């Protein structure tokens, strides 16, 4: 656990240095997000059958992305559960990942994502677990509408699987406000 945290912190410190070395054409994006997962299969979680086909822990988080070029980004997000399950702890997730944006100069920019979520504690999993997350979404660039350069709204649909707990969920609703600089 300690090594995972050290690696993530080191990666987040190295990205700004890499961006500086690559030149001014590369940019950062940061924002806040809200997610509503839906549990499809609770795997081998004790009492899992009782939570299948239910809404998972509502998540609120922050994220940051570094764009290698106009299409490809690397980043991480930190999410915290807004609800405590009965007898459980508050859920904390750290999720590094990558995304490919297909039309970065268009007002509506579709993208695909691939992430590796780390459930630190809490939620229905209640222990450290690692998973995989893939999704599709769209960025709505709001510069023309708001007059704020770099302001956008993002939404996507994700599928999530955690290996140890065998939990499979769908993020039916994920909304984010982002600012690029």
C-alpha atoms as a PDB file:
ATOM      1  CA  UNK A   1       0.000   0.000   0.000  1.00  0.00           C
ATOM      2  CA  UNK A   2       2.774   2.407   0.926  1.00  0.00           C
ATOM      3  CA  UNK A   3       4.646   1.692  -2.321  1.00  0.00           C
ATOM      4  CA  UNK A   4       1.503   2.269  -4.384  1.00  0.00           C
ATOM      5  CA  UNK A   5       0.969   5.661  -2.761  1.00  0.00           C
ATOM      6  CA  UNK A   6       4.637   6.608  -3.240  1.00  0.00           C
ATOM      7  CA  UNK A   7       4.470   5.633  -6.920  1.00  0.00           C
ATOM      8  CA  UNK A   8       1.305   7.674  -7.504  1.00  0.00           C
ATOM      9  CA  UNK A   9       2.755  10.747  -5.772  1.00  0.00           C
ATOM     10  CA  UNK A  10       5.975  10.442  -7.779  1.00  0.00           C
ATOM     11  CA  UNK A  11       4.025  10.125 -11.033  1.00  0.00           C
ATOM     12  CA  UNK A  12       1.982  13.224 -10.239  1.00  0.00           C
ATOM     13  CA  UNK A  13       5.189  15.175  -9.496  1.00  0.00           C
ATOM     14  CA  UNK A  14       6.943  14.018 -12.672  1.00  0.00           C
ATOM     15  CA  UNK A  15       4.110  14.954 -15.068  1.00  0.00           C
ATOM     16  CA  UNK A  16       4.487  18.748 -14.648  1.00  0.00           C
ATOM     17  CA  UNK A  17       8.242  18.469 -15.194  1.00  0.00           C
ATOM     18  CA  UNK A  18       7.703  16.408 -18.327  1.00  0.00           C
ATOM     19  CA  UNK A  19       5.195  18.951 -19.622  1.00  0.00           C
ATOM     20  CA  UNK A  20       7.632  21.806 -19.016  1.00  0.00           C
ATOM     21  CA  UNK A  21      10.352  19.941 -20.907  1.00  0.00           C
ATOM     22  CA  UNK A  22       8.015  19.188 -23.830  1.00  0.00           C
ATOM     23  CA  UNK A  23       7.096  22.844 -24.416  1.00  0.00           C
ATOM     24  CA  UNK A  24       4.085  25.159 -24.156  1.00  0.00           C
ATOM     25  CA  UNK A  25       1.847  23.266 -26.608  1.00  0.00           C
ATOM     26  CA  UNK A  26       0.929  20.765 -23.893  1.00  0.00           C
ATOM     27  CA  UNK A  27      -1.664  21.638 -21.322  1.00  0.00           C
ATOM     28  CA  UNK A  28      -3.198  20.607 -18.032  1.00  0.00           C
ATOM     29  CA  UNK A  29      -6.827  20.074 -17.169  1.00  0.00           C
ATOM     30  CA  UNK A  30      -8.333  20.007 -13.687  1.00  0.00           C
ATOM     31  CA  UNK A  31     -11.863  19.758 -12.418  1.00  0.00           C
ATOM     32  CA  UNK A  32     -14.531  18.297 -10.157  1.00  0.00           C
ATOM     33  CA  UNK A  33     -16.759  15.321 -10.893  1.00  0.00           C
ATOM     34  CA  UNK A  34     -19.849  13.503  -9.652  1.00  0.00           C
ATOM     35  CA  UNK A  35     -20.434   9.785 -10.298  1.00  0.00           C
ATOM     36  CA  UNK A  36     -23.365   7.452  -9.765  1.00  0.00           C
ATOM     37  CA  UNK A  37     -22.325   3.780 -10.122  1.00  0.00           C
ATOM     38  CA  UNK A  38     -24.796   0.898 -10.504  1.00  0.00           C
ATOM     39  CA  UNK A  39     -23.753  -2.502  -9.114  1.00  0.00           C
ATOM     40  CA  UNK A  40     -24.379  -5.299 -11.628  1.00  0.00           C
ATOM     41  CA  UNK A  41     -22.586  -8.210  -9.898  1.00  0.00           C
ATOM     42  CA  UNK A  42     -21.320  -8.084  -6.324  1.00  0.00           C
ATOM     43  CA  UNK A  43     -18.904 -10.994  -6.835  1.00  0.00           C
ATOM     44  CA  UNK A  44     -17.707 -12.630  -3.634  1.00  0.00           C
ATOM     45  CA  UNK A  45     -18.524  -9.745  -1.288  1.00  0.00           C
ATOM     46  CA  UNK A  46     -20.228 -11.148   1.840  1.00  0.00           C
ATOM     47  CA  UNK A  47     -23.948 -10.545   1.428  1.00  0.00           C
ATOM     48  CA  UNK A  48     -23.269  -9.468  -2.162  1.00  0.00           C
ATOM     49  CA  UNK A  49     -26.523 -10.830  -3.569  1.00  0.00           C
ATOM     50  CA  UNK A  50     -28.373  -8.281  -1.440  1.00  0.00           C
ATOM     51  CA  UNK A  51     -26.584  -5.358  -3.113  1.00  0.00           C
ATOM     52  CA  UNK A  52     -26.711  -6.530  -6.738  1.00  0.00           C
ATOM     53  CA  UNK A  53     -28.788  -4.355  -9.059  1.00  0.00           C
ATOM     54  CA  UNK A  54     -28.474  -1.447  -6.634  1.00  0.00           C
ATOM     55  CA  UNK A  55     -26.970   1.988  -6.802  1.00  0.00           C
ATOM     56  CA  UNK A  56     -23.403   2.008  -5.504  1.00  0.00           C
ATOM     57  CA  UNK A  57     -21.815   4.688  -3.365  1.00  0.00           C
ATOM     58  CA  UNK A  58     -22.359   8.145  -4.887  1.00  0.00           C
ATOM     59  CA  UNK A  59     -18.876   9.600  -5.523  1.00  0.00           C
ATOM     60  CA  UNK A  60     -17.599  13.180  -5.539  1.00  0.00           C
ATOM     61  CA  UNK A  61     -14.059  13.855  -6.677  1.00  0.00           C
ATOM     62  CA  UNK A  62     -11.354  15.961  -8.235  1.00  0.00           C
ATOM     63  CA  UNK A  63      -9.157  15.133 -11.201  1.00  0.00           C
ATOM     64  CA  UNK A  64      -6.171  16.355 -13.137  1.00  0.00           C
ATOM     65  CA  UNK A  65      -4.987  15.451 -16.639  1.00  0.00           C
ATOM     66  CA  UNK A  66      -1.832  16.236 -18.566  1.00  0.00           C
ATOM     67  CA  UNK A  67      -2.190  16.312 -22.351  1.00  0.00           C
ATOM     68  CA  UNK A  68       0.743  14.741 -24.174  1.00  0.00           C
ATOM     69  CA  UNK A  69      -0.749  16.161 -27.370  1.00  0.00           C
ATOM     70  CA  UNK A  70      -4.184  17.477 -28.360  1.00  0.00           C
ATOM     71  CA  UNK A  71      -5.667  13.963 -28.388  1.00  0.00           C
ATOM     72  CA  UNK A  72      -3.901  11.905 -25.719  1.00  0.00           C
ATOM     73  CA  UNK A  73      -3.957  12.620 -21.980  1.00  0.00           C
ATOM     74  CA  UNK A  74      -2.738  10.985 -18.787  1.00  0.00           C
ATOM     75  CA  UNK A  75      -4.159  11.789 -15.397  1.00  0.00           C
ATOM     76  CA  UNK A  76      -5.517  10.779 -12.040  1.00  0.00           C
ATOM     77  CA  UNK A  77      -8.660  11.293 -10.048  1.00  0.00           C
ATOM     78  CA  UNK A  78      -9.449  11.120  -6.354  1.00  0.00           C
ATOM     79  CA  UNK A  79     -13.005  10.279  -5.322  1.00  0.00           C
ATOM     80  CA  UNK A  80     -14.715  10.017  -1.966  1.00  0.00           C
ATOM     81  CA  UNK A  81     -18.020   8.293  -1.253  1.00  0.00           C
ATOM     82  CA  UNK A  82     -20.826  10.521  -0.060  1.00  0.00           C
ATOM     83  CA  UNK A  83     -22.708   7.689   1.637  1.00  0.00           C
ATOM     84  CA  UNK A  84     -21.571   5.112   4.178  1.00  0.00           C
ATOM     85  CA  UNK A  85     -22.938   1.610   3.609  1.00  0.00           C
ATOM     86  CA  UNK A  86     -24.414  -0.095   6.650  1.00  0.00           C
ATOM     87  CA  UNK A  87     -21.478  -1.222   8.785  1.00  0.00           C
ATOM     88  CA  UNK A  88     -18.943   0.073   6.268  1.00  0.00           C
ATOM     89  CA  UNK A  89     -16.488   2.931   5.981  1.00  0.00           C
ATOM     90  CA  UNK A  90     -16.417   5.920   3.663  1.00  0.00           C
ATOM     91  CA  UNK A  91     -15.100   4.890   0.254  1.00  0.00           C
ATOM     92  CA  UNK A  92     -11.851   6.412  -1.097  1.00  0.00           C
ATOM     93  CA  UNK A  93     -10.697   5.814  -4.679  1.00  0.00           C
ATOM     94  CA  UNK A  94      -7.488   6.858  -6.437  1.00  0.00           C
ATOM     95  CA  UNK A  95      -7.630   6.270 -10.182  1.00  0.00           C
ATOM     96  CA  UNK A  96      -4.754   6.883 -12.606  1.00  0.00           C
ATOM     97  CA  UNK A  97      -5.620   6.542 -16.272  1.00  0.00           C
ATOM     98  CA  UNK A  98      -5.414   7.683 -19.853  1.00  0.00           C
ATOM     99  CA  UNK A  99      -7.868   9.056 -22.426  1.00  0.00           C
ATOM    100  CA  UNK A 100      -7.984   9.595 -26.187  1.00  0.00           C
ATOM    101  CA  UNK A 101      -9.983  12.575 -27.492  1.00  0.00           C
ATOM    102  CA  UNK A 102     -11.094  12.221 -31.119  1.00  0.00           C
ATOM    103  CA  UNK A 103     -12.061  15.828 -31.996  1.00  0.00           C
ATOM    104  CA  UNK A 104     -10.197  18.124 -29.565  1.00  0.00           C
ATOM    105  CA  UNK A 105     -10.915  21.284 -31.574  1.00  0.00           C
ATOM    106  CA  UNK A 106     -14.646  20.632 -31.973  1.00  0.00           C
ATOM    107  CA  UNK A 107     -17.352  21.946 -29.650  1.00  0.00           C
ATOM    108  CA  UNK A 108     -18.366  18.336 -28.856  1.00  0.00           C
ATOM    109  CA  UNK A 109     -15.332  16.071 -28.458  1.00  0.00           C
ATOM    110  CA  UNK A 110     -15.950  12.305 -28.038  1.00  0.00           C
ATOM    111  CA  UNK A 111     -13.352  10.327 -26.085  1.00  0.00           C
ATOM    112  CA  UNK A 112     -12.489   6.896 -24.687  1.00  0.00           C
ATOM    113  CA  UNK A 113     -10.888   6.235 -21.283  1.00  0.00           C
ATOM    114  CA  UNK A 114      -8.968   3.425 -19.613  1.00  0.00           C
ATOM    115  CA  UNK A 115      -8.247   3.659 -15.881  1.00  0.00           C
ATOM    116  CA  UNK A 116      -6.880   1.550 -13.025  1.00  0.00           C
ATOM    117  CA  UNK A 117      -8.952   2.343  -9.912  1.00  0.00           C
ATOM    118  CA  UNK A 118      -7.526   1.655  -6.450  1.00  0.00           C
ATOM    119  CA  UNK A 119     -10.254   1.282  -3.814  1.00  0.00           C
ATOM    120  CA  UNK A 120      -8.319   2.329  -0.710  1.00  0.00           C
ATOM    121  CA  UNK A 121     -11.067   1.547   1.807  1.00  0.00           C
ATOM    122  CA  UNK A 122     -14.776   1.604   2.310  1.00  0.00           C
ATOM    123  CA  UNK A 123     -17.863   1.251   0.241  1.00  0.00           C
ATOM    124  CA  UNK A 124     -19.186  -2.242  -0.382  1.00  0.00           C
ATOM    125  CA  UNK A 125     -15.642  -3.579  -0.962  1.00  0.00           C
ATOM    126  CA  UNK A 126     -14.371  -2.371   2.446  1.00  0.00           C
ATOM    127  CA  UNK A 127     -10.733  -3.358   1.737  1.00  0.00           C
ATOM    128  CA  UNK A 128      -7.936  -2.369  -0.606  1.00  0.00           C
ATOM    129  CA  UNK A 129      -8.749  -3.592  -4.121  1.00  0.00           C
ATOM    130  CA  UNK A 130      -7.503  -2.847  -7.638  1.00  0.00           C
ATOM    131  CA  UNK A 131      -9.606  -2.885 -10.756  1.00  0.00           C
ATOM    132  CA  UNK A 132      -9.967  -1.801 -14.360  1.00  0.00           C
ATOM    133  CA  UNK A 133     -12.298   0.862 -15.701  1.00  0.00           C
ATOM    134  CA  UNK A 134     -13.122   1.668 -19.318  1.00  0.00           C
ATOM    135  CA  UNK A 135     -15.521   4.209 -20.702  1.00  0.00           C
ATOM    136  CA  UNK A 136     -16.734   6.430 -23.501  1.00  0.00           C
ATOM    137  CA  UNK A 137     -17.852  10.011 -23.212  1.00  0.00           C
ATOM    138  CA  UNK A 138     -18.030  13.483 -24.655  1.00  0.00           C
ATOM    139  CA  UNK A 139     -16.481  16.835 -23.731  1.00  0.00           C
ATOM    140  CA  UNK A 140     -18.595  19.907 -24.385  1.00  0.00           C
ATOM    141  CA  UNK A 141     -16.212  22.849 -24.777  1.00  0.00           C
ATOM    142  CA  UNK A 142     -18.035  25.826 -23.274  1.00  0.00           C
ATOM    143  CA  UNK A 143     -15.615  28.636 -24.222  1.00  0.00           C
ATOM    144  CA  UNK A 144     -17.988  30.203 -26.764  1.00  0.00           C
ATOM    145  CA  UNK A 145     -21.001  29.876 -24.484  1.00  0.00           C
ATOM    146  CA  UNK A 146     -19.414  31.181 -21.261  1.00  0.00           C
ATOM    147  CA  UNK A 147     -16.580  33.352 -22.540  1.00  0.00           C
ATOM    148  CA  UNK A 148     -14.163  31.471 -20.240  1.00  0.00           C
ATOM    149  CA  UNK A 149     -11.315  29.951 -22.241  1.00  0.00           C
ATOM    150  CA  UNK A 150     -10.583  26.349 -21.263  1.00  0.00           C
ATOM    151  CA  UNK A 151     -13.947  25.732 -19.523  1.00  0.00           C
ATOM    152  CA  UNK A 152     -15.776  22.490 -20.399  1.00  0.00           C
ATOM    153  CA  UNK A 153     -18.401  19.968 -19.276  1.00  0.00           C
ATOM    154  CA  UNK A 154     -17.632  16.238 -19.488  1.00  0.00           C
ATOM    155  CA  UNK A 155     -19.912  13.253 -19.202  1.00  0.00           C
ATOM    156  CA  UNK A 156     -19.289   9.569 -19.786  1.00  0.00           C
ATOM    157  CA  UNK A 157     -20.464   6.003 -19.278  1.00  0.00           C
ATOM    158  CA  UNK A 158     -18.021   3.537 -17.655  1.00  0.00           C
ATOM    159  CA  UNK A 159     -17.751  -0.153 -16.869  1.00  0.00           C
ATOM    160  CA  UNK A 160     -15.771  -1.026 -13.711  1.00  0.00           C
ATOM    161  CA  UNK A 161     -14.413  -4.340 -12.420  1.00  0.00           C
ATOM    162  CA  UNK A 162     -12.481  -4.930  -9.177  1.00  0.00           C
ATOM    163  CA  UNK A 163     -10.335  -8.065  -9.157  1.00  0.00           C
ATOM    164  CA  UNK A 164     -10.231  -9.217  -5.502  1.00  0.00           C
ATOM    165  CA  UNK A 165     -13.882  -8.595  -4.714  1.00  0.00           C
ATOM    166  CA  UNK A 166     -15.075  -9.509  -8.244  1.00  0.00           C
ATOM    167  CA  UNK A 167     -17.372  -6.476  -8.129  1.00  0.00           C
ATOM    168  CA  UNK A 168     -18.708  -5.353 -11.521  1.00  0.00           C
ATOM    169  CA  UNK A 169     -20.470  -2.008 -11.822  1.00  0.00           C
ATOM    170  CA  UNK A 170     -21.533   0.483 -14.449  1.00  0.00           C
ATOM    171  CA  UNK A 171     -21.167   4.215 -13.961  1.00  0.00           C
ATOM    172  CA  UNK A 172     -24.435   5.255 -15.525  1.00  0.00           C
ATOM    173  CA  UNK A 173     -23.900   8.924 -14.823  1.00  0.00           C
ATOM    174  CA  UNK A 174     -20.628  10.795 -14.528  1.00  0.00           C
ATOM    175  CA  UNK A 175     -20.591  14.561 -14.889  1.00  0.00           C
ATOM    176  CA  UNK A 176     -17.577  16.847 -14.549  1.00  0.00           C
ATOM    177  CA  UNK A 177     -16.727  20.512 -14.863  1.00  0.00           C
ATOM    178  CA  UNK A 178     -13.198  21.014 -16.153  1.00  0.00           C
ATOM    179  CA  UNK A 179     -10.797  23.863 -16.717  1.00  0.00           C
ATOM    180  CA  UNK A 180      -7.800  23.568 -19.066  1.00  0.00           C
ATOM    181  CA  UNK A 181      -4.712  25.753 -18.833  1.00  0.00           C
END
